[in-house]
Protein backbone atom coordinates (compact mmCIF):
# COMPACT_ATOMS: atom_id res chain seq x y z
CA MET A 1 0.08 0.29 0.07
CA SER A 2 1.62 3.34 -1.02
CA PHE A 3 1.27 6.49 0.96
CA GLU A 4 -0.99 8.11 -1.23
CA GLU A 5 -3.75 5.28 -0.73
CA LEU A 6 -2.94 5.21 2.83
CA ASP A 7 -3.41 8.56 3.33
CA GLN A 8 -6.81 8.28 1.55
CA TRP A 9 -8.03 5.26 3.65
CA VAL A 10 -7.17 7.53 6.96
CA ARG A 11 -9.18 10.44 6.05
CA ARG A 12 -12.21 8.05 4.84
CA LYS A 13 -11.82 6.28 8.46
CA LEU A 14 -12.25 9.80 10.00
CA ARG A 15 -15.12 10.90 7.79
CA CYS A 16 -16.32 7.27 8.85
CA ILE A 17 -15.83 7.76 12.66
CA LEU A 18 -17.91 11.15 12.16
CA TRP A 19 -20.80 9.20 10.49
CA ARG A 20 -20.56 7.00 13.04
CA GLN A 21 -20.53 9.87 15.67
CA TRP A 22 -23.97 11.32 14.13
CA LYS A 23 -25.86 8.35 15.04
CA ARG A 24 -29.35 9.41 13.86
CA PRO A 25 -30.90 10.62 10.64
CA ARG A 26 -32.05 13.61 12.25
CA THR A 27 -28.45 14.40 13.75
CA ARG A 28 -26.77 13.76 10.46
CA LEU A 29 -29.35 15.90 8.67
CA GLN A 30 -28.11 18.66 11.36
CA LYS A 31 -24.74 18.29 11.08
CA LEU A 32 -24.81 18.04 7.24
CA ARG A 33 -26.57 21.44 7.02
CA ARG A 34 -24.57 23.30 9.84
CA LEU A 35 -21.37 22.14 7.72
CA GLY A 36 -22.91 23.85 3.90
CA LEU A 37 -24.78 21.14 2.46
CA GLU A 38 -28.00 22.16 0.88
CA GLU A 39 -31.62 20.74 2.75
CA ALA A 40 -32.17 18.40 -0.10
CA ARG A 41 -28.99 17.15 -0.43
CA ALA A 42 -28.84 16.52 3.38
CA ALA A 43 -32.09 14.87 3.99
CA THR A 44 -31.60 12.30 0.82
CA SER A 45 -27.55 11.85 2.45
CA ALA A 46 -29.02 11.55 6.05
CA HIS A 47 -31.33 8.91 5.32
CA ASN A 48 -30.20 6.78 2.11
CA GLY A 49 -30.19 3.72 4.80
CA HIS A 50 -25.96 2.77 3.44
CA GLY A 51 -23.98 1.78 6.22
CA PRO A 52 -20.71 4.19 7.70
CA TRP A 53 -17.81 3.38 5.09
CA TRP A 54 -20.27 3.65 2.19
CA ASN A 55 -20.91 7.52 3.34
CA ALA A 56 -17.91 7.83 4.47
CA GLY A 57 -16.48 7.29 0.22
CA ALA A 58 -19.59 8.88 -0.83
CA SER A 59 -19.42 12.99 -2.45
CA HIS A 60 -21.49 14.60 0.58
CA MET A 61 -18.94 13.48 2.71
CA ASN A 62 -16.05 14.85 0.64
CA ALA A 63 -18.13 17.91 0.50
CA VAL A 64 -19.06 18.83 4.19
CA VAL A 65 -15.48 17.28 5.41
CA PRO A 66 -12.88 18.50 3.10
CA THR A 67 -9.24 17.52 3.04
CA GLY A 68 -8.32 20.78 4.04
CA MET A 69 -10.70 20.88 7.41
CA LEU A 70 -8.78 17.77 8.62
CA ARG A 71 -5.74 19.16 7.71
CA GLY A 72 -6.89 22.09 9.81
CA TRP A 73 -7.71 19.48 12.66
CA GLY A 74 -3.88 18.39 12.86
CA LEU A 75 -4.34 15.46 10.41
CA ILE A 76 -1.08 15.48 8.85
CA SER A 77 -0.44 13.81 5.00
CA LEU A 78 2.17 10.66 5.38
CA LEU A 79 2.81 11.04 1.60
CA ASP A 80 3.56 15.29 2.34
CA GLU A 81 5.98 14.02 5.30
CA HIS A 82 7.60 11.15 3.65
CA ARG A 83 8.58 13.77 0.34
CA ARG A 84 9.66 16.17 3.16
CA LEU A 85 11.78 13.89 4.45
CA GLN A 86 13.07 12.40 1.07
CA CYS A 87 14.50 16.14 0.32
CA ALA A 88 16.00 16.72 3.75
CA SER A 89 18.26 13.76 3.21
């Protein structure tokens, strides 16, 4: 597994954890709306019946929890760190 694939997996896992924390469709709807998703799309997404892993990879979660937001929360990219360390040596 490459660092890029590992980074993608970690980001998806974090989105999956968020989806699980928002246990009920009503809570999911509120959180998706609060994070900027339009009402109709948020309602469809919150009530879609798919599991957390599927939703973590769906476009609605990528839209409301973009990579930049995860970086802002302190997530570092393994690929970027690997490249930085390669250039340093």
